Amino acid sequence: MASSPITMMKMKLNNCSPPSTAAAARFLPILGPHQIRFRSSLAPHHNPSFPRTIITRPTFSSSSIITAAMASEASVKVIDGKKVAKDVRDEINAEITRMKDSIGVVPGLAVILVGDRKDSATYVRNKKKACEAAGIKSYEVCLPENSTEEEVLKYISDFNDDPMVHGILVQLPLPSHMDEEKILHAVCIEKDVDGFHPLNIGQLAMRGREPLFVPCTPKGCIELLHRYNVEIKGKKAVVIGRSNIVGMPAALLLQREDATVSIVHSRTKNPEEITRQADIIIAAVGKPNMVRGSWIKPGAVIIDVGINPVEDATNPRGYRLVGDVCYEEAIKVASAITPVPGGVGPMTIAMLLSNTLLSAKRINNFK
């Protein structure tokens, strides 16, 4: 039986072959039911308005072809987010033990889940397991879909006043009848371990100021660069995506590291050209395999935040996860890259635990 154009398009994108812009426009909205859109999860906040016509056929200069040909898959360094996250969790566990032995305090993280979304419930379970493994006390509230704003706000208020709770996380998305901004702003800034309170973001943006918390996923990206001794100072960095969740705070963090930062977003006219100038690329837009090998400067370091399901008939689940960067092409050009999965994802939860420990130390004046 002949394959439909859509099926053929999906197969091409899965294999990172360069599709036509018209075909890409047909495929990109089809992300499936597993697309993830909530804060402090393993996945970033995606920008559905990102242009669908910027995936172009590869264009190389003669010098870039020669340079890229000298690179090999064996020479690329895979940035192991799982290993780094485990190292971070072990360090957190040791510090929590020291804190408990010294002042008898155990950090506590409260998570509020509203509704019965399976993806949200899965991530709440993962966070609970990570807390237990690190020695953090986990407080969990699960409310039905038809709960009122007042009920949610009451739990937030109680956790704000509870000295045993040092971090509060409201799992997103919330039901449509709730005012998300109002609920999130009810979390007191001293316990905003997600790092998205306007005052925290404002402090992050200002020179000479320090936020109480840095958003977890961008913090994890920078931590990976540090742990792999990637020089940031003076380097050209490109962040693809400008969401409040990842792109914007990632750009601010890179600026704090003295990088020269450009942001590629939904209105950027020449994204491929701009991205090809980067020594460091952080891709966080939520479009599978959008960044091609032709977009990448030879020797660049790539942090791929994207986690996108694409159809895969060979996988028992019927799909597999890919990043925003075409991994098979990127490893032939880049000097280092995060895999998907196993790169940035594990770091997000590790940084959430790190922020919770930081909060407990600050509240109890523990050095």
Protein backbone atom coordinates (compact mmCIF):
# COMPACT_ATOMS: atom_id res chain seq x y z
CA MET A 1 0.00 0.00 0.00
CA ALA A 2 1.41 3.42 -0.90
CA SER A 3 2.38 5.65 2.01
CA SER A 4 0.47 8.88 2.47
CA PRO A 5 2.38 12.20 2.13
CA ILE A 6 2.04 12.79 5.87
CA THR A 7 3.46 9.35 6.74
CA MET A 8 6.35 9.88 4.32
CA MET A 9 7.01 13.30 5.86
CA LYS A 10 7.15 11.80 9.35
CA MET A 11 9.57 9.11 8.20
CA LYS A 12 11.83 11.74 6.68
CA LEU A 13 11.84 13.90 9.78
CA ASN A 14 12.49 10.89 11.98
CA ASN A 15 15.57 10.13 9.90
CA CYS A 16 16.72 13.77 9.89
CA SER A 17 16.60 13.99 6.12
CA PRO A 18 16.12 17.60 4.96
CA PRO A 19 12.43 18.02 4.02
CA SER A 20 10.99 20.69 1.81
CA THR A 21 9.53 23.70 3.53
CA ALA A 22 6.03 22.86 2.28
CA ALA A 23 6.23 19.34 3.63
CA ALA A 24 7.70 20.56 6.88
CA ALA A 25 4.81 22.96 7.30
CA ARG A 26 2.41 20.04 7.03
CA PHE A 27 4.24 17.92 9.55
CA LEU A 28 5.36 20.18 12.35
CA PRO A 29 1.99 20.70 14.06
CA ILE A 30 1.56 16.92 14.40
CA LEU A 31 3.29 16.35 17.72
CA GLY A 32 0.93 13.78 19.18
CA PRO A 33 -0.66 13.45 22.61
CA HIS A 34 2.67 13.15 24.37
CA GLN A 35 3.72 16.76 23.81
CA ILE A 36 4.63 18.13 27.22
CA ARG A 37 3.81 21.67 28.30
CA PHE A 38 4.35 22.50 31.90
CA ARG A 39 6.81 24.12 34.18
CA SER A 40 9.63 22.38 36.00
CA SER A 41 9.07 19.21 34.07
CA LEU A 42 11.52 17.25 31.99
CA ALA A 43 10.32 19.20 29.05
CA PRO A 44 10.49 22.91 28.25
CA HIS A 45 7.67 25.27 27.52
CA HIS A 46 7.21 25.11 23.77
CA ASN A 47 6.50 28.00 21.44
CA PRO A 48 3.75 26.84 19.06
CA SER A 49 4.13 29.98 16.97
CA PHE A 50 7.67 29.21 15.88
CA PRO A 51 7.81 29.46 12.10
CA ARG A 52 7.35 26.26 10.15
CA THR A 53 9.15 27.42 7.04
CA ILE A 54 12.65 27.92 8.39
CA ILE A 55 13.70 24.32 7.87
CA THR A 56 15.71 24.65 4.66
CA ARG A 57 17.87 22.45 2.57
CA PRO A 58 21.49 22.36 3.82
CA THR A 59 23.78 25.00 2.35
CA PHE A 60 27.49 24.80 3.00
CA SER A 61 30.43 26.95 2.08
CA SER A 62 33.38 25.04 0.67
CA SER A 63 35.43 25.76 3.80
CA SER A 64 32.71 24.45 6.11
CA ILE A 65 32.44 21.24 4.08
CA ILE A 66 36.18 20.64 4.41
CA THR A 67 36.19 21.43 8.14
CA ALA A 68 33.11 19.33 8.84
CA ALA A 69 34.59 16.43 6.92
CA MET A 70 37.51 16.40 9.35
CA ALA A 71 35.13 15.85 12.29
CA SER A 72 33.97 12.35 13.15
CA GLU A 73 31.32 10.85 15.36
CA ALA A 74 34.09 9.31 17.46
CA SER A 75 35.45 12.78 18.29
CA VAL A 76 32.21 14.31 19.54
CA LYS A 77 31.77 14.37 23.30
CA VAL A 78 28.35 13.23 24.51
CA ILE A 79 27.32 15.31 27.52
CA ASP A 80 25.87 12.75 29.92
CA GLY A 81 23.05 14.48 31.80
CA LYS A 82 22.14 11.30 33.67
CA LYS A 83 25.61 10.99 35.17
CA VAL A 84 25.88 14.67 36.05
CA ALA A 85 22.41 14.65 37.61
CA LYS A 86 23.38 11.64 39.74
CA ASP A 87 26.54 13.41 40.87
CA VAL A 88 24.47 16.46 41.81
CA ARG A 89 21.94 14.34 43.71
CA ASP A 90 24.75 12.59 45.61
CA GLU A 91 26.21 15.98 46.57
CA ILE A 92 22.78 17.16 47.71
CA ASN A 93 22.28 14.00 49.75
CA ALA A 94 25.63 14.51 51.52
CA GLU A 95 24.79 18.14 52.28
CA ILE A 96 21.34 17.22 53.60
CA THR A 97 22.90 14.63 55.90
CA ARG A 98 25.30 17.29 57.23
CA MET A 99 22.41 19.70 57.74
CA LYS A 100 20.28 17.13 59.53
CA ASP A 101 23.15 16.12 61.81
CA SER A 102 24.03 19.76 62.58
CA ILE A 103 20.66 21.46 63.13
CA GLY A 104 18.10 18.65 62.78
CA VAL A 105 16.43 20.13 59.69
CA VAL A 106 15.41 18.17 56.60
CA PRO A 107 14.48 20.17 53.47
CA GLY A 108 10.85 19.82 52.40
CA LEU A 109 9.28 20.20 48.95
CA ALA A 110 5.51 20.51 48.45
CA VAL A 111 3.94 19.67 45.09
CA ILE A 112 0.33 20.53 44.23
CA LEU A 113 -1.28 18.58 41.41
CA VAL A 114 -4.74 19.48 40.12
CA GLY A 115 -6.54 17.10 37.78
CA ASP A 116 -5.79 13.64 36.46
CA ARG A 117 -3.47 14.23 33.50
CA LYS A 118 -1.30 11.16 33.17
CA ASP A 119 1.80 13.08 32.09
CA SER A 120 1.57 15.48 35.03
CA ALA A 121 0.99 12.61 37.46
CA THR A 122 4.04 10.80 36.06
CA TYR A 123 6.29 13.80 36.58
CA VAL A 124 5.00 14.34 40.09
CA ARG A 125 5.85 10.71 40.88
CA ASN A 126 9.33 11.17 39.42
CA LYS A 127 9.91 14.25 41.54
CA LYS A 128 8.72 12.42 44.64
CA LYS A 129 11.13 9.55 43.97
CA ALA A 130 13.98 11.97 43.38
CA CYS A 131 13.21 13.75 46.66
CA GLU A 132 13.20 10.50 48.61
CA ALA A 133 16.50 9.40 47.04
CA ALA A 134 18.15 12.70 47.92
CA GLY A 135 16.79 12.83 51.47
CA ILE A 136 14.26 15.60 50.88
CA LYS A 137 10.85 15.32 52.54
CA SER A 138 8.09 15.31 49.93
CA TYR A 139 4.62 16.76 50.54
CA GLU A 140 2.04 15.99 47.88
CA VAL A 141 -1.47 17.33 47.35
CA CYS A 142 -3.62 15.82 44.58
CA LEU A 143 -6.86 17.66 43.88
CA PRO A 144 -9.67 16.75 41.45
CA GLU A 145 -10.10 18.54 38.14
CA ASN A 146 -13.15 20.45 39.38
CA SER A 147 -11.40 21.96 42.40
CA THR A 148 -11.78 25.69 42.89
CA GLU A 149 -9.07 28.33 42.84
CA GLU A 150 -9.79 29.01 46.48
CA GLU A 151 -8.97 25.42 47.42
CA VAL A 152 -5.64 25.57 45.62
CA LEU A 153 -4.82 28.97 47.12
CA LYS A 154 -5.62 27.64 50.59
CA TYR A 155 -3.06 24.84 50.21
CA ILE A 156 -0.47 27.31 48.92
CA SER A 157 -1.12 29.58 51.88
CA ASP A 158 -0.73 26.68 54.32
CA PHE A 159 2.55 25.63 52.71
CA ASN A 160 3.77 29.24 52.73
CA ASP A 161 3.29 29.27 56.51
CA ASP A 162 4.66 25.76 57.16
CA PRO A 163 8.27 25.90 58.45
CA MET A 164 8.80 22.28 57.38
CA VAL A 165 8.21 23.21 53.73
CA HIS A 166 11.05 25.04 51.99
CA GLY A 167 9.88 24.81 48.39
CA ILE A 168 6.46 24.90 46.71
CA LEU A 169 5.73 23.73 43.18
CA VAL A 170 2.37 23.94 41.44
CA GLN A 171 2.33 21.38 38.62
CA LEU A 172 1.27 22.81 35.29
CA PRO A 173 -0.90 22.93 33.29
CA LEU A 174 -3.75 23.86 35.59
CA PRO A 175 -7.39 23.29 34.59
CA SER A 176 -8.70 25.93 32.21
CA HIS A 177 -11.07 27.48 34.74
CA MET A 178 -8.16 28.55 36.98
CA ASP A 179 -6.11 31.74 36.76
CA GLU A 180 -2.62 30.29 36.42
CA GLU A 181 -0.80 33.58 37.00
CA LYS A 182 -2.80 34.34 40.16
CA ILE A 183 -2.09 30.90 41.62
CA LEU A 184 1.61 30.90 40.81
CA HIS A 185 2.10 34.37 42.25
CA ALA A 186 0.53 33.18 45.51
CA VAL A 187 3.68 31.14 46.22
CA CYS A 188 5.90 33.25 48.45
CA ILE A 189 9.14 34.23 46.74
CA GLU A 190 11.27 32.64 49.48
CA LYS A 191 9.82 29.23 48.51
CA ASP A 192 9.60 29.75 44.74
CA VAL A 193 12.02 26.92 43.91
CA ASP A 194 10.81 26.98 40.30
CA GLY A 195 12.43 30.42 40.03
CA PHE A 196 9.72 32.04 37.93
CA HIS A 197 8.39 34.68 40.30
CA PRO A 198 8.67 38.07 38.52
CA LEU A 199 10.99 39.35 41.24
CA ASN A 200 13.33 36.40 40.76
CA ILE A 201 13.37 36.89 36.99
CA GLY A 202 13.86 40.63 37.44
CA GLN A 203 16.85 40.09 39.72
CA LEU A 204 18.27 37.61 37.22
CA ALA A 205 18.06 40.23 34.46
CA MET A 206 19.80 42.99 36.43
CA ARG A 207 23.57 43.32 36.73
CA GLY A 208 24.79 43.27 40.31
CA ARG A 209 21.63 41.59 41.61
CA GLU A 210 21.12 37.98 42.61
CA PRO A 211 17.80 36.11 42.35
CA LEU A 212 16.79 33.88 45.23
CA PHE A 213 16.33 31.04 42.73
CA VAL A 214 17.31 30.38 39.13
CA PRO A 215 14.80 28.50 36.91
CA CYS A 216 15.58 24.79 36.97
CA THR A 217 16.00 23.85 33.31
CA PRO A 218 18.20 26.84 32.32
CA LYS A 219 20.21 26.33 35.52
CA GLY A 220 20.72 22.70 34.50
CA CYS A 221 21.96 23.76 31.06
CA ILE A 222 24.63 26.02 32.53
CA GLU A 223 25.58 23.37 35.10
CA LEU A 224 26.23 20.89 32.28
CA LEU A 225 28.51 23.40 30.56
CA HIS A 226 30.40 23.97 33.80
CA ARG A 227 30.76 20.28 34.63
CA TYR A 228 32.17 19.59 31.17
CA ASN A 229 34.56 22.55 31.42
CA VAL A 230 33.06 24.37 28.44
CA GLU A 231 34.40 27.90 28.31
CA ILE A 232 31.55 30.41 28.15
CA LYS A 233 33.27 33.74 28.75
CA GLY A 234 33.74 35.67 25.54
CA LYS A 235 32.07 33.01 23.41
CA LYS A 236 29.21 33.55 20.97
CA ALA A 237 26.06 31.83 22.20
CA VAL A 238 22.73 31.39 20.45
CA VAL A 239 19.54 30.48 22.29
CA ILE A 240 16.79 29.12 20.04
CA GLY A 241 13.44 29.96 21.63
CA ARG A 242 12.47 32.81 23.93
CA SER A 243 9.95 31.28 26.34
CA ASN A 244 9.74 32.50 29.93
CA ILE A 245 10.45 28.93 31.01
CA VAL A 246 13.75 28.22 29.23
CA GLY A 247 14.85 30.50 26.41
CA MET A 248 14.72 33.89 28.08
CA PRO A 249 16.31 32.87 31.43
CA ALA A 250 18.91 30.77 29.59
CA ALA A 251 19.96 33.85 27.61
CA LEU A 252 20.18 35.87 30.83
CA LEU A 253 22.34 33.21 32.47
CA LEU A 254 24.70 33.09 29.49
CA GLN A 255 25.02 36.89 29.66
CA ARG A 256 25.95 36.57 33.32
CA GLU A 257 28.71 34.19 32.19
CA ASP A 258 30.02 36.94 29.86
CA ALA A 259 28.94 35.28 26.62
CA THR A 260 27.77 37.34 23.66
CA VAL A 261 24.20 36.16 23.27
CA SER A 262 21.77 36.11 20.34
CA ILE A 263 18.20 34.79 20.52
CA VAL A 264 16.58 33.09 17.55
CA HIS A 265 12.79 33.26 17.79
CA SER A 266 9.58 33.12 15.79
CA ARG A 267 10.24 36.41 13.98
CA THR A 268 13.92 35.83 13.21
CA LYS A 269 14.45 36.12 9.44
CA ASN A 270 17.78 34.28 9.11
CA PRO A 271 17.92 31.72 11.93
CA GLU A 272 20.29 29.34 10.15
CA GLU A 273 22.85 32.05 9.47
CA ILE A 274 22.74 33.39 13.03
CA THR A 275 22.91 29.94 14.62
CA ARG A 276 25.92 28.96 12.49
CA GLN A 277 27.96 31.70 14.17
CA ALA A 278 27.53 30.21 17.64
CA ASP A 279 30.19 28.53 19.75
CA ILE A 280 27.40 27.42 22.11
CA ILE A 281 23.83 26.58 21.09
CA ILE A 282 20.94 26.09 23.51
CA ALA A 283 17.94 24.79 21.56
CA ALA A 284 14.62 25.12 23.38
CA VAL A 285 11.79 25.61 20.92
CA GLY A 286 9.96 22.28 20.80
CA LYS A 287 10.27 21.44 17.08
CA PRO A 288 11.66 17.97 16.32
CA ASN A 289 14.99 17.93 14.45
CA MET A 290 14.66 21.60 13.52
CA VAL A 291 18.35 22.44 13.86
CA ARG A 292 20.18 20.69 11.03
CA GLY A 293 23.85 19.95 10.64
CA SER A 294 24.11 22.89 8.23
CA TRP A 295 23.06 25.22 11.05
CA ILE A 296 26.03 24.25 13.23
CA LYS A 297 29.50 25.76 13.30
CA PRO A 298 32.16 23.02 13.35
CA GLY A 299 33.27 22.48 16.94
CA ALA A 300 30.21 24.10 18.53
CA VAL A 301 28.78 22.82 21.82
CA ILE A 302 25.07 21.97 21.74
CA ILE A 303 22.64 21.81 24.65
CA ASP A 304 19.38 20.35 23.35
CA VAL A 305 16.44 21.07 25.66
CA GLY A 306 13.77 19.78 23.29
CA ILE A 307 11.93 16.54 23.93
CA ASN A 308 9.55 15.73 21.11
CA PRO A 309 7.68 12.52 20.24
CA VAL A 310 7.89 11.36 16.64
CA GLU A 311 6.24 8.29 15.16
CA ASP A 312 8.38 5.15 15.16
CA ALA A 313 6.75 1.87 14.14
CA THR A 314 9.80 -0.07 15.40
CA ASN A 315 9.28 1.19 18.95
CA PRO A 316 6.80 -0.72 21.16
CA ARG A 317 5.28 2.59 22.22
CA GLY A 318 4.76 3.63 18.60
CA TYR A 319 6.95 6.71 19.00
CA ARG A 320 10.38 7.78 20.13
CA LEU A 321 11.72 10.99 21.62
CA VAL A 322 13.98 13.34 19.71
CA GLY A 323 15.36 16.76 20.43
CA ASP A 324 15.16 20.09 18.64
CA VAL A 325 18.55 19.30 17.07
CA CYS A 326 19.01 16.59 14.45
CA TYR A 327 21.39 14.44 16.51
CA GLU A 328 22.58 12.24 13.63
CA GLU A 329 23.75 15.30 11.70
CA ALA A 330 24.98 17.31 14.69
CA ILE A 331 27.41 14.68 15.97
CA LYS A 332 29.31 14.98 12.68
CA VAL A 333 29.90 18.69 13.25
CA ALA A 334 29.71 19.57 16.96
CA SER A 335 32.44 19.03 19.55
CA ALA A 336 29.95 18.18 22.31
CA ILE A 337 26.20 17.57 22.48
CA THR A 338 23.51 16.46 24.91
CA PRO A 339 21.48 13.40 23.87
CA VAL A 340 17.69 13.19 23.97
CA PRO A 341 16.63 11.65 26.22
CA GLY A 342 19.34 11.58 28.88
CA GLY A 343 20.73 15.08 28.53
CA VAL A 344 18.99 18.14 29.96
CA GLY A 345 15.93 16.27 31.27
CA PRO A 346 17.55 14.65 34.33
CA MET A 347 19.20 17.96 35.20
CA THR A 348 15.87 19.75 35.59
CA ILE A 349 14.80 17.63 38.55
CA ALA A 350 18.34 17.72 39.99
CA MET A 351 18.24 21.53 39.93
CA LEU A 352 14.80 21.50 41.57
CA LEU A 353 16.30 19.51 44.45
CA SER A 354 19.28 21.87 44.51
CA ASN A 355 16.97 24.89 44.80
CA THR A 356 15.01 23.20 47.60
CA LEU A 357 18.22 22.58 49.55
CA LEU A 358 19.30 26.18 48.93
CA SER A 359 15.96 27.40 50.29
CA ALA A 360 16.24 25.26 53.42
CA LYS A 361 19.76 26.55 54.06
CA ARG A 362 18.72 30.17 53.57
CA ILE A 363 15.61 29.92 55.75
CA ASN A 364 17.59 28.27 58.55
CA ASN A 365 20.72 30.40 58.06
CA PHE A 366 22.80 27.25 57.57
CA LYS A 367 26.15 27.63 55.86
